[in-house]
Amino acid sequence: MANEQDRIIIFDTTLRDGEQSPGATLNVDEKLTIAKALARLGVDVIEAGFPRASTGDFEAVQKIADQVGTENGPTICGLARATKEDIRQAAEAVKPAAKGRIHTFIATSDIHLEYKLRKTRQEVLAIIPEMVGYAKSLINDIEFSPEDAGRSDPEFLYQVLEVAIASGATTVNIPDTVGYTTPEEFGALIRGIKENVPNIDQAIISVHGHNDLGLAVANFLSAVQNGARQLECTINGIGERAGNAALEELVMALYVRRGFYNPFLGRPAESTEPLCNIDTTQIYKTSRLVSNLTGMLVQPNKAIVGANAFAHESGIHQDGVLKHRLTYEIMDAKSIGLTKNLIVLGKHSGRHAFRDRLQTLGYDLSETDLNKAFLRFKDLADKKKEISDLDLEAIVNDETQHVPELFHLELVQVSCGDRARPTATVTLRTPQGEELTDAAIGTGPVDAVYKAINRVVNIPNELIEYSVKSVTEGIDAMGEVTIRLRHEGRTFSGHAANTDIIVASARAYISALNRLSATLNQTENPIHPQTAALA
């Protein structure tokens, strides 16, 4: 594995661990859309899901393996518990990929052994060679994880890893499953593995960690300093509980501070070669795509991709940046693909120019999606004097989301004011072409719209989050609305963008209700994601 020791492998688990965030459930087409974006971003491995969890998960992994797992594309990985049926299904799901991987795991901490597995250390040591060996008989690229490694006895962990590697594991992943360790502890754990596992030179050391104490990224960077060469992370840091280590933070730390990290990979400190294969200019648009499709908002002060990441309020900071950018900025916004350029398009522009601009921004749409986005662009061009790339990205992200449309918003009309009772009328169209209309009174225009929609749809739900943000500055800015609603303990998200915030609010709500309706129409009984988690 020496050829892999001078770079960092980026293993993205947005579609597996990231999707386990409450309300972040994605359908097959949405997963495929994100997988294609991850491939453009340049991730080395995509953990596309847990095939045994459900028919939908199996289909998603298989479809991603077929369409994204090309010869020059990323490795496509499927998660599997250390059972033959899990492993068999994972192998079948990733089979269409040019480069497939099975990632199998079993818990090793005493607390997990006693209370979850109800097995002894010796029983676990007997399971590992059998299951890793079985996986190896089906596919060559095998990753093994001792779940809750951060709280496992190091001496037992060394035995587990030695057996897993001897049985065919080519990557051994060290999960800080509950986000318990500190950077010094986690680095020491990786160093101990390097020094005490006799056959460790036959495998790549990977790390997976959660952000319960806000230390995931720091833990990973410490792991790199001590020999880890694969980082398992998610876009925007989404995932179970407080989330995973954020891909964008790890990648940009390695990019900005490559002089510091170069020696740990055996490179001269002055080397300017990138430490990983990520195309950093794809970071911002990938972040936006994942945020929109999952309904997981990015807080303004989020490192790298937050709205305030490159904003300067202080007069002293503004003066310094105007004189020389490096006085208060350690990276250029353009390095993550964030620009404020205006597109050279207007209401008289044609589809060819529109398609060309989208391709420049990194979007390669199907004819159907291009037509939908172009119609929205022409509509927006009639309302706005200047259209920015951010506006264009908002249109594309809004129009290319593949939510099963059981209800389509045909009309929304509101009446409100400080001396009026907010009233809304909505018309929804079903797939059979039937138009359903109703009206309602609310505490405000959005409340009235949602009550009217609920009267038509008639599916009990609880609105638990409603968020509005402006895409760009100005009174004519597009507004993006993200909502989350709950039904029988499950959370569903919706997203929409429009210059009319009431219309955006209605469309976002319909999007969430369509997700809910599609789920209610499913007849499969998936395994709960927590049974497949490294978290």
Protein backbone atom coordinates (compact mmCIF):
# COMPACT_ATOMS: atom_id res chain seq x y z
CA MET A 1 0.00 0.00 0.00
CA ALA A 2 3.04 2.27 -0.17
CA ASN A 3 1.70 4.04 -3.27
CA GLU A 4 -1.23 5.34 -1.21
CA GLN A 5 0.86 6.68 1.65
CA ASP A 6 1.79 10.06 0.14
CA ARG A 7 -1.77 11.36 -0.26
CA ILE A 8 -5.04 11.51 1.63
CA ILE A 9 -7.96 9.41 0.37
CA ILE A 10 -11.32 11.17 0.76
CA PHE A 11 -14.11 8.71 1.58
CA ASP A 12 -17.50 10.42 1.45
CA THR A 13 -20.34 8.94 3.50
CA THR A 14 -22.95 11.67 2.90
CA LEU A 15 -25.26 9.15 1.26
CA ARG A 16 -24.95 6.65 4.11
CA ASP A 17 -24.15 8.24 7.47
CA GLY A 18 -25.19 11.72 6.34
CA GLU A 19 -28.62 10.49 5.32
CA GLN A 20 -29.16 9.21 8.84
CA SER A 21 -29.67 12.80 10.00
CA PRO A 22 -33.30 13.20 11.09
CA GLY A 23 -35.32 14.43 8.11
CA ALA A 24 -32.52 13.98 5.59
CA THR A 25 -34.04 10.96 3.84
CA LEU A 26 -33.35 11.00 0.09
CA ASN A 27 -35.00 9.12 -2.75
CA VAL A 28 -33.04 7.17 -5.37
CA ASP A 29 -32.86 9.99 -7.93
CA GLU A 30 -31.71 12.50 -5.32
CA LYS A 31 -28.98 10.13 -4.15
CA LEU A 32 -27.85 9.71 -7.74
CA THR A 33 -27.76 13.49 -8.22
CA ILE A 34 -25.57 13.90 -5.13
CA ALA A 35 -23.34 10.98 -6.16
CA LYS A 36 -22.69 12.62 -9.53
CA ALA A 37 -21.80 15.86 -7.73
CA LEU A 38 -19.43 13.96 -5.43
CA ALA A 39 -17.75 12.42 -8.47
CA ARG A 40 -17.25 15.91 -9.97
CA LEU A 41 -15.88 17.02 -6.61
CA GLY A 42 -13.26 14.31 -6.91
CA VAL A 43 -13.91 12.10 -3.87
CA ASP A 44 -12.05 8.80 -4.02
CA VAL A 45 -14.74 6.62 -2.43
CA ILE A 46 -18.51 7.10 -2.20
CA GLU A 47 -20.22 5.09 0.51
CA ALA A 48 -23.50 4.98 -1.38
CA GLY A 49 -25.62 3.37 1.32
CA PHE A 50 -26.45 0.23 3.28
CA PRO A 51 -27.94 -2.20 0.72
CA ARG A 52 -29.46 -4.54 3.32
CA ALA A 53 -31.43 -1.70 4.95
CA SER A 54 -34.20 -1.61 2.35
CA THR A 55 -35.09 -2.27 -1.26
CA GLY A 56 -34.72 1.46 -1.91
CA ASP A 57 -31.22 1.56 -0.43
CA PHE A 58 -30.17 -1.46 -2.49
CA GLU A 59 -31.55 0.14 -5.65
CA ALA A 60 -29.78 3.43 -4.92
CA VAL A 61 -26.38 1.79 -4.34
CA GLN A 62 -26.77 -0.34 -7.46
CA LYS A 63 -27.82 2.62 -9.62
CA ILE A 64 -24.92 4.75 -8.36
CA ALA A 65 -22.51 1.85 -8.97
CA ASP A 66 -23.80 1.56 -12.54
CA GLN A 67 -23.91 5.27 -13.47
CA VAL A 68 -21.18 6.85 -11.31
CA GLY A 69 -18.79 3.97 -10.65
CA THR A 70 -17.05 4.20 -14.02
CA GLU A 71 -13.45 3.21 -14.73
CA ASN A 72 -12.23 6.75 -14.07
CA GLY A 73 -14.80 7.45 -11.38
CA PRO A 74 -14.78 6.89 -7.63
CA THR A 75 -14.88 3.56 -5.83
CA ILE A 76 -18.48 2.74 -4.88
CA CYS A 77 -18.85 1.25 -1.40
CA GLY A 78 -21.72 -0.53 0.32
CA LEU A 79 -21.98 -0.91 4.11
CA ALA A 80 -22.66 -4.32 5.67
CA ARG A 81 -22.86 -5.69 9.16
CA ALA A 82 -20.65 -8.74 9.77
CA THR A 83 -23.31 -11.17 8.55
CA LYS A 84 -23.36 -13.20 5.33
CA GLU A 85 -26.67 -11.81 4.07
CA ASP A 86 -25.56 -8.19 4.60
CA ILE A 87 -22.26 -8.85 2.85
CA ARG A 88 -23.87 -10.73 -0.03
CA GLN A 89 -26.32 -7.92 -0.71
CA ALA A 90 -23.57 -5.30 -0.51
CA ALA A 91 -21.50 -7.24 -3.05
CA GLU A 92 -24.48 -7.55 -5.39
CA ALA A 93 -25.31 -3.84 -5.10
CA VAL A 94 -21.79 -2.58 -5.93
CA LYS A 95 -21.20 -5.20 -8.62
CA PRO A 96 -21.89 -2.84 -11.59
CA ALA A 97 -19.10 -0.48 -10.48
CA ALA A 98 -15.69 -0.69 -12.12
CA LYS A 99 -14.27 -0.33 -8.59
CA GLY A 100 -16.50 -1.73 -5.84
CA ARG A 101 -15.91 -2.05 -2.11
CA ILE A 102 -17.60 -3.81 0.80
CA HIS A 103 -17.36 -2.06 4.16
CA THR A 104 -18.19 -4.47 6.95
CA PHE A 105 -18.16 -3.78 10.68
CA ILE A 106 -18.68 -5.20 14.14
CA ALA A 107 -18.48 -3.54 17.56
CA THR A 108 -15.37 -4.01 19.71
CA SER A 109 -15.82 -1.82 22.79
CA ASP A 110 -16.70 -3.63 26.01
CA ILE A 111 -19.84 -1.53 26.46
CA HIS A 112 -21.09 -2.52 22.99
CA LEU A 113 -20.11 -6.15 23.46
CA GLU A 114 -21.99 -6.40 26.74
CA TYR A 115 -25.12 -4.38 26.06
CA LYS A 116 -25.59 -4.49 22.27
CA LEU A 117 -23.99 -7.62 20.83
CA ARG A 118 -24.07 -9.67 24.03
CA LYS A 119 -20.92 -11.44 22.87
CA THR A 120 -17.46 -12.02 24.33
CA ARG A 121 -14.23 -10.75 22.86
CA GLN A 122 -13.34 -14.26 21.73
CA GLU A 123 -16.67 -14.66 19.94
CA VAL A 124 -16.07 -11.41 18.05
CA LEU A 125 -12.51 -12.49 17.18
CA ALA A 126 -13.98 -15.66 15.67
CA ILE A 127 -16.61 -13.78 13.60
CA ILE A 128 -14.16 -11.34 11.98
CA PRO A 129 -12.03 -13.78 9.91
CA GLU A 130 -15.13 -15.68 8.77
CA MET A 131 -17.02 -12.57 7.61
CA VAL A 132 -14.05 -10.63 6.21
CA GLY A 133 -12.94 -13.80 4.42
CA TYR A 134 -16.43 -14.27 2.98
CA ALA A 135 -16.49 -10.65 1.76
CA LYS A 136 -13.04 -11.14 0.21
CA SER A 137 -14.36 -14.14 -1.73
CA LEU A 138 -16.94 -11.86 -3.37
CA ILE A 139 -14.92 -8.71 -4.05
CA ASN A 140 -11.27 -7.74 -3.69
CA ASP A 141 -11.57 -4.32 -2.00
CA ILE A 142 -12.61 -4.88 1.63
CA GLU A 143 -12.82 -2.32 4.42
CA PHE A 144 -13.27 -3.39 8.03
CA SER A 145 -14.39 -1.24 10.97
CA PRO A 146 -14.28 -2.08 14.68
CA GLU A 147 -17.29 -0.04 15.77
CA ASP A 148 -16.69 2.23 18.78
CA ALA A 149 -12.92 1.82 18.38
CA GLY A 150 -12.44 5.09 20.28
CA ARG A 151 -13.69 3.40 23.47
CA SER A 152 -12.21 -0.04 22.81
CA ASP A 153 -9.33 -1.56 24.74
CA PRO A 154 -6.27 -0.80 22.53
CA GLU A 155 -4.71 -4.23 23.09
CA PHE A 156 -7.91 -5.96 21.97
CA LEU A 157 -8.20 -3.52 19.06
CA TYR A 158 -4.70 -4.49 17.86
CA GLN A 159 -5.74 -8.16 17.80
CA VAL A 160 -8.95 -7.36 15.92
CA LEU A 161 -7.16 -5.35 13.24
CA GLU A 162 -4.42 -7.95 12.78
CA VAL A 163 -7.02 -10.67 12.23
CA ALA A 164 -9.07 -8.48 9.84
CA ILE A 165 -6.03 -7.64 7.70
CA ALA A 166 -4.86 -11.25 7.67
CA SER A 167 -8.34 -12.23 6.46
CA GLY A 168 -8.26 -9.84 3.50
CA ALA A 169 -9.14 -6.31 4.67
CA THR A 170 -7.23 -3.74 2.61
CA THR A 171 -8.53 -0.77 4.61
CA VAL A 172 -9.06 -0.72 8.37
CA ASN A 173 -11.24 2.08 9.63
CA ILE A 174 -11.01 3.45 13.18
CA PRO A 175 -14.37 4.97 14.17
CA ASP A 176 -14.82 7.45 17.00
CA THR A 177 -18.46 6.36 16.92
CA VAL A 178 -19.75 8.58 19.72
CA GLY A 179 -17.41 11.56 19.28
CA TYR A 180 -15.75 10.87 22.62
CA THR A 181 -12.02 11.24 21.97
CA THR A 182 -9.81 14.34 21.94
CA PRO A 183 -7.23 15.09 19.21
CA GLU A 184 -4.31 14.00 21.38
CA GLU A 185 -6.04 10.74 22.33
CA PHE A 186 -7.16 9.98 18.78
CA GLY A 187 -3.71 10.68 17.36
CA ALA A 188 -2.16 8.41 20.00
CA LEU A 189 -4.65 5.67 19.09
CA ILE A 190 -3.62 5.80 15.42
CA ARG A 191 0.05 5.89 16.39
CA GLY A 192 -0.46 2.87 18.65
CA ILE A 193 -2.06 0.95 15.79
CA LYS A 194 0.88 1.79 13.52
CA GLU A 195 3.33 0.55 16.13
CA ASN A 196 1.52 -2.53 17.46
CA VAL A 197 -0.36 -4.20 14.59
CA PRO A 198 2.27 -6.39 12.89
CA ASN A 199 0.67 -6.43 9.41
CA ILE A 200 -0.61 -2.83 9.38
CA ASP A 201 1.64 -2.05 6.38
CA GLN A 202 -0.70 -4.23 4.30
CA ALA A 203 -3.70 -1.90 4.79
CA ILE A 204 -4.67 1.76 4.67
CA ILE A 205 -5.62 3.27 8.03
CA SER A 206 -8.91 5.15 7.79
CA VAL A 207 -10.77 7.24 10.35
CA HIS A 208 -14.48 7.90 10.93
CA GLY A 209 -15.67 10.26 13.63
CA HIS A 210 -18.59 12.22 15.01
CA ASN A 211 -18.80 15.77 16.21
CA ASP A 212 -20.53 15.37 19.59
CA LEU A 213 -17.84 17.48 21.30
CA GLY A 214 -17.08 19.59 18.23
CA LEU A 215 -13.72 17.84 17.78
CA ALA A 216 -14.22 15.62 14.72
CA VAL A 217 -12.15 17.65 12.25
CA ALA A 218 -9.39 18.27 14.81
CA ASN A 219 -9.32 14.54 15.61
CA PHE A 220 -8.96 13.65 11.92
CA LEU A 221 -6.11 16.12 11.36
CA SER A 222 -4.33 14.66 14.38
CA ALA A 223 -4.89 11.21 12.87
CA VAL A 224 -3.25 12.35 9.62
CA GLN A 225 -0.20 13.47 11.59
CA ASN A 226 0.02 9.96 13.06
CA GLY A 227 -0.45 7.86 9.93
CA ALA A 228 -4.12 7.84 8.87
CA ARG A 229 -4.47 8.07 5.10
CA GLN A 230 -8.23 7.85 4.52
CA LEU A 231 -10.73 10.33 5.98
CA GLU A 232 -14.42 9.37 6.16
CA CYS A 233 -16.47 12.55 6.09
CA THR A 234 -19.69 14.16 4.84
CA ILE A 235 -20.66 17.31 2.98
CA ASN A 236 -21.56 20.05 5.49
CA GLY A 237 -20.70 17.60 8.30
CA ILE A 238 -24.24 16.14 8.32
CA GLY A 239 -24.90 12.82 10.04
CA GLU A 240 -26.12 11.15 13.22
CA ARG A 241 -26.59 13.40 16.27
CA ALA A 242 -24.10 16.31 15.95
CA GLY A 243 -22.90 15.02 12.59
CA ASN A 244 -19.66 13.80 11.06
CA ALA A 245 -16.32 15.42 10.29
CA ALA A 246 -17.04 17.96 7.54
CA LEU A 247 -15.41 17.22 4.18
CA GLU A 248 -15.04 20.87 3.23
CA GLU A 249 -13.27 21.75 6.50
CA LEU A 250 -10.86 18.83 6.24
CA VAL A 251 -10.04 19.44 2.59
CA MET A 252 -9.47 23.17 2.99
CA ALA A 253 -7.36 22.65 6.13
CA LEU A 254 -5.15 20.31 4.12
CA TYR A 255 -5.14 22.81 1.23
CA VAL A 256 -4.40 25.98 3.18
CA ARG A 257 -1.93 24.31 5.57
CA ARG A 258 -0.34 21.85 3.15
CA GLY A 259 3.11 23.15 4.11
CA PHE A 260 2.43 21.96 7.67
CA TYR A 261 0.98 18.57 6.68
CA ASN A 262 3.40 17.74 3.83
CA PRO A 263 6.12 16.25 6.08
CA PHE A 264 3.62 13.84 7.64
CA LEU A 265 3.08 12.38 4.17
CA GLY A 266 6.81 12.20 3.44
CA ARG A 267 6.85 15.33 1.26
CA PRO A 268 9.06 18.42 1.46
CA ALA A 269 7.31 21.16 3.44
CA GLU A 270 7.60 23.54 0.47
CA SER A 271 5.78 21.17 -1.90
CA THR A 272 2.74 22.77 -3.55
CA GLU A 273 1.22 19.48 -4.71
CA PRO A 274 -2.33 18.96 -3.36
CA LEU A 275 -2.65 16.43 -0.54
CA CYS A 276 -5.87 14.95 -1.96
CA ASN A 277 -7.73 14.69 -5.26
CA ILE A 278 -10.58 17.07 -4.43
CA ASP A 279 -11.42 19.85 -6.90
CA THR A 280 -11.96 22.57 -4.31
CA THR A 281 -13.84 24.80 -6.77
CA GLN A 282 -16.71 22.29 -6.60
CA ILE A 283 -17.07 22.56 -2.81
CA TYR A 284 -19.58 25.40 -2.57
CA LYS A 285 -22.04 24.14 -5.17
CA THR A 286 -21.88 20.61 -3.73
CA SER A 287 -22.58 22.03 -0.27
CA ARG A 288 -25.59 23.93 -1.62
CA LEU A 289 -26.91 20.88 -3.45
CA VAL A 290 -26.72 18.65 -0.36
CA SER A 291 -28.27 21.33 1.82
CA ASN A 292 -31.19 21.81 -0.57
CA LEU A 293 -31.89 18.12 -1.14
CA THR A 294 -31.61 17.07 2.51
CA GLY A 295 -33.24 20.18 4.00
CA MET A 296 -30.26 20.49 6.38
CA LEU A 297 -29.47 24.20 6.52
CA VAL A 298 -25.91 25.48 6.73
CA GLN A 299 -25.55 27.94 9.60
CA PRO A 300 -24.20 31.38 8.54
CA ASN A 301 -21.01 31.08 10.61
CA LYS A 302 -20.17 27.59 9.31
CA ALA A 303 -16.52 27.30 8.33
CA ILE A 304 -15.79 27.34 4.58
CA VAL A 305 -19.37 27.24 3.22
CA GLY A 306 -21.37 29.42 5.64
CA ALA A 307 -22.87 32.68 4.37
CA ASN A 308 -20.54 34.67 6.62
CA ALA A 309 -17.38 32.66 5.89
CA PHE A 310 -16.01 35.40 3.61
CA ALA A 311 -17.99 38.37 4.98
CA HIS A 312 -16.37 41.24 6.87
CA GLU A 313 -18.44 43.48 9.17
CA SER A 314 -15.72 45.17 11.20
CA GLY A 315 -14.44 48.43 9.74
CA ILE A 316 -10.88 47.48 10.61
CA HIS A 317 -11.27 44.14 8.80
CA GLN A 318 -12.91 45.78 5.79
CA ASP A 319 -10.10 48.34 5.54
CA GLY A 320 -7.47 45.62 5.77
CA VAL A 321 -9.10 43.41 3.15
CA LEU A 322 -9.47 46.33 0.75
CA LYS A 323 -5.77 47.08 1.11
CA HIS A 324 -4.66 43.47 0.87
CA ARG A 325 -6.94 40.43 0.98
CA LEU A 326 -4.50 38.30 3.00
CA THR A 327 -4.71 40.65 5.98
CA TYR A 328 -7.93 38.95 7.11
CA GLU A 329 -8.55 36.10 4.64
CA ILE A 330 -6.49 32.91 4.62
CA MET A 331 -8.17 31.58 1.48
CA ASP A 332 -9.82 33.01 -1.61
CA ALA A 333 -13.58 32.52 -1.92
CA LYS A 334 -12.96 31.50 -5.54
CA SER A 335 -10.96 28.50 -4.32
CA ILE A 336 -14.21 26.85 -3.15
CA GLY A 337 -16.14 27.96 -6.24
CA LEU A 338 -17.85 30.95 -4.63
CA THR A 339 -18.11 33.87 -7.04
CA LYS A 340 -20.25 36.96 -7.37
CA ASN A 341 -20.01 37.13 -11.12
CA LEU A 342 -23.05 38.21 -13.08
CA ILE A 343 -24.01 35.93 -15.90
CA VAL A 344 -23.96 37.59 -19.30
CA LEU A 345 -27.52 36.56 -19.98
CA GLY A 346 -30.84 38.36 -20.12
CA LYS A 347 -34.44 37.80 -21.11
CA HIS A 348 -33.43 37.64 -24.78
CA SER A 349 -30.78 34.97 -24.25
CA GLY A 350 -31.29 31.58 -25.86
CA ARG A 351 -31.02 28.02 -24.62
CA HIS A 352 -27.54 27.54 -26.10
CA ALA A 353 -26.06 30.43 -24.11
CA PHE A 354 -27.96 29.28 -21.03
CA ARG A 355 -26.64 25.70 -21.34
CA ASP A 356 -23.11 26.98 -21.91
CA ARG A 357 -23.22 29.06 -18.73
CA LEU A 358 -24.54 26.12 -16.70
CA GLN A 359 -21.72 23.94 -17.99
CA THR A 360 -19.21 26.62 -16.98
CA LEU A 361 -20.71 26.49 -13.49
CA GLY A 362 -20.33 22.69 -13.46
CA TYR A 363 -23.92 21.63 -14.24
CA ASP A 364 -24.60 19.06 -16.97
CA LEU A 365 -28.39 18.74 -17.13
CA SER A 366 -30.61 16.38 -19.06
CA GLU A 367 -32.85 17.91 -21.72
CA THR A 368 -35.85 17.68 -19.40
CA ASP A 369 -34.10 19.40 -16.49
CA LEU A 370 -32.52 21.98 -18.82
CA ASN A 371 -35.95 22.91 -20.22
CA LYS A 372 -37.41 23.29 -16.71
CA ALA A 373 -34.49 25.42 -15.55
CA PHE A 374 -34.55 27.53 -18.71
CA LEU A 375 -38.24 28.36 -18.29
CA ARG A 376 -37.56 29.44 -14.69
CA PHE A 377 -34.62 31.54 -15.87
CA LYS A 378 -36.72 33.35 -18.49
CA ASP A 379 -39.39 34.02 -15.87
CA LEU A 380 -36.77 35.38 -13.46
CA ALA A 381 -35.18 37.53 -16.20
CA ASP A 382 -38.50 39.34 -16.57
CA LYS A 383 -38.49 40.21 -12.86
CA LYS A 384 -34.82 40.95 -12.10
CA LYS A 385 -32.48 43.40 -13.77
CA GLU A 386 -29.33 41.51 -12.77
CA ILE A 387 -29.05 37.76 -12.40
CA SER A 388 -26.08 36.35 -10.51
CA ASP A 389 -24.53 32.91 -10.63
CA LEU A 390 -26.07 32.31 -7.20
CA ASP A 391 -29.52 32.99 -8.67
CA LEU A 392 -28.79 30.55 -11.46
CA GLU A 393 -27.61 27.88 -9.02
CA ALA A 394 -30.78 28.39 -6.95
CA ILE A 395 -32.91 27.84 -10.06
CA VAL A 396 -31.05 24.69 -11.07
CA ASN A 397 -31.11 23.20 -7.57
CA ASP A 398 -34.81 23.99 -7.22
CA GLU A 399 -35.89 22.67 -10.61
CA THR A 400 -33.83 19.49 -10.71
CA GLN A 401 -34.91 18.01 -7.39
CA HIS A 402 -36.57 14.70 -8.13
CA VAL A 403 -39.40 14.51 -5.62
CA PRO A 404 -42.34 12.28 -6.67
CA GLU A 405 -44.96 14.90 -7.49
CA LEU A 406 -48.21 13.53 -6.07
CA PHE A 407 -49.42 17.10 -5.64
CA HIS A 408 -48.47 20.00 -7.93
CA LEU A 409 -49.04 23.62 -6.93
CA GLU A 410 -51.21 25.26 -9.58
CA LEU A 411 -52.22 28.45 -7.77
CA VAL A 412 -51.61 30.27 -4.53
CA GLN A 413 -53.30 33.56 -3.69
CA VAL A 414 -53.21 35.46 -0.40
CA SER A 415 -54.84 38.48 1.17
CA CYS A 416 -53.35 40.05 4.29
CA GLY A 417 -52.58 43.32 6.06
CA ASP A 418 -52.53 44.94 9.51
CA ARG A 419 -56.33 45.40 9.40
CA ALA A 420 -57.17 42.19 7.56
CA ARG A 421 -57.45 38.52 8.46
CA PRO A 422 -54.76 36.64 6.46
CA THR A 423 -56.56 34.45 3.95
CA ALA A 424 -55.14 32.06 1.36
CA THR A 425 -56.58 30.13 -1.56
CA VAL A 426 -54.63 27.25 -3.11
CA THR A 427 -55.19 24.90 -6.03
CA LEU A 428 -53.31 21.64 -6.28
CA ARG A 429 -53.25 19.26 -9.24
CA THR A 430 -53.00 15.47 -8.86
CA PRO A 431 -51.20 13.13 -11.32
CA GLN A 432 -54.63 12.23 -12.74
CA GLY A 433 -55.16 15.89 -13.70
CA GLU A 434 -57.76 16.59 -11.02
CA GLU A 435 -57.61 20.11 -9.58
CA LEU A 436 -58.40 20.54 -5.87
CA THR A 437 -59.04 23.98 -4.40
CA ASP A 438 -59.55 25.16 -0.83
CA ALA A 439 -59.07 28.26 1.32
CA ALA A 440 -58.13 28.97 4.92
CA ILE A 441 -57.52 31.78 7.42
CA GLY A 442 -54.27 31.88 9.41
CA THR A 443 -52.21 34.01 11.77
CA GLY A 444 -50.22 35.22 8.76
CA PRO A 445 -50.07 34.63 5.00
CA VAL A 446 -47.77 31.58 5.19
CA ASP A 447 -49.81 30.02 7.99
CA ALA A 448 -52.96 30.55 5.92
CA VAL A 449 -51.34 28.95 2.86
CA TYR A 450 -50.21 25.92 4.86
CA LYS A 451 -53.62 25.47 6.44
CA ALA A 452 -55.27 25.62 3.01
CA ILE A 453 -52.81 23.06 1.63
CA ASN A 454 -53.44 20.77 4.60
CA ARG A 455 -57.19 20.94 3.96
CA VAL A 456 -56.57 19.71 0.40
CA VAL A 457 -53.90 17.08 1.12
CA ASN A 458 -55.44 15.85 4.37
CA ILE A 459 -52.32 14.20 5.77
CA PRO A 460 -51.71 14.91 9.49
CA ASN A 461 -48.34 16.58 10.07
CA GLU A 462 -46.57 19.00 12.39
CA LEU A 463 -44.46 21.86 11.02
CA ILE A 464 -41.28 21.88 13.13
CA GLU A 465 -39.02 24.23 11.18
CA TYR A 466 -39.51 27.09 8.73
CA SER A 467 -36.52 29.01 7.40
CA VAL A 468 -36.18 31.79 4.82
CA LYS A 469 -32.98 33.22 3.42
CA SER A 470 -32.08 35.53 0.56
CA VAL A 471 -29.99 34.13 -2.28
CA THR A 472 -28.51 37.53 -3.13
CA GLU A 473 -28.82 41.14 -1.96
CA GLY A 474 -31.53 43.54 -3.07
CA ILE A 475 -35.28 43.96 -2.88
CA ASP A 476 -35.73 41.70 -5.92
CA ALA A 477 -33.61 38.88 -4.51
CA MET A 478 -34.76 35.30 -4.78
CA GLY A 479 -35.83 33.85 -1.47
CA GLU A 480 -35.05 30.26 -0.51
CA VAL A 481 -37.41 28.49 1.88
CA THR A 482 -36.57 25.29 3.72
CA ILE A 483 -39.15 23.56 5.90
CA ARG A 484 -39.23 20.41 7.98
CA LEU A 485 -42.38 18.65 9.11
CA ARG A 486 -43.00 15.62 11.30
CA HIS A 487 -45.41 12.73 10.81
CA GLU A 488 -45.62 9.85 13.29
CA GLY A 489 -42.09 10.43 14.54
CA ARG A 490 -40.46 10.78 11.11
CA THR A 491 -39.18 14.06 9.70
CA PHE A 492 -39.50 15.22 6.08
CA SER A 493 -37.93 18.27 4.47
CA GLY A 494 -38.86 20.51 1.57
CA HIS A 495 -37.05 23.28 -0.30
CA ALA A 496 -37.98 25.88 -2.91
CA ALA A 497 -36.75 29.20 -4.31
CA ASN A 498 -38.72 32.06 -5.84
CA THR A 499 -38.75 35.86 -5.98
CA ASP A 500 -42.15 35.64 -4.27
CA ILE A 501 -41.53 34.29 -0.78
CA ILE A 502 -45.15 33.15 -0.39
CA VAL A 503 -44.87 31.04 -3.55
CA ALA A 504 -41.53 29.65 -2.37
CA SER A 505 -43.10 28.80 1.00
CA ALA A 506 -45.99 26.97 -0.65
CA ARG A 507 -43.72 25.03 -3.01
CA ALA A 508 -41.38 24.02 -0.16
CA TYR A 509 -44.34 22.74 1.86
CA ILE A 510 -45.69 20.79 -1.12
CA SER A 511 -42.21 19.30 -1.65
CA ALA A 512 -42.13 18.01 1.95
CA LEU A 513 -45.69 16.69 1.69
CA ASN A 514 -44.82 14.88 -1.53
CA ARG A 515 -41.93 13.17 0.26
CA LEU A 516 -44.27 12.22 3.08
CA SER A 517 -46.92 10.94 0.67
CA ALA A 518 -44.36 8.86 -1.24
CA THR A 519 -43.19 7.28 2.01
CA LEU A 520 -46.75 6.43 3.05
CA ASN A 521 -47.27 4.74 -0.32
CA GLN A 522 -44.27 2.47 0.11
CA THR A 523 -44.94 -1.06 1.23
CA GLU A 524 -41.41 -2.12 2.10
CA ASN A 525 -40.31 -2.54 5.71
CA PRO A 526 -36.71 -1.28 5.90
CA ILE A 527 -34.31 -2.02 8.71
CA HIS A 528 -33.93 1.04 10.94
CA PRO A 529 -30.77 2.93 9.87
CA GLN A 530 -29.42 2.88 13.43
CA THR A 531 -28.93 -0.86 13.15
CA ALA A 532 -26.44 -0.17 10.37
CA ALA A 533 -24.66 2.80 11.86
CA LEU A 534 -21.08 3.30 12.87
CA ALA A 535 -22.68 6.05 14.94
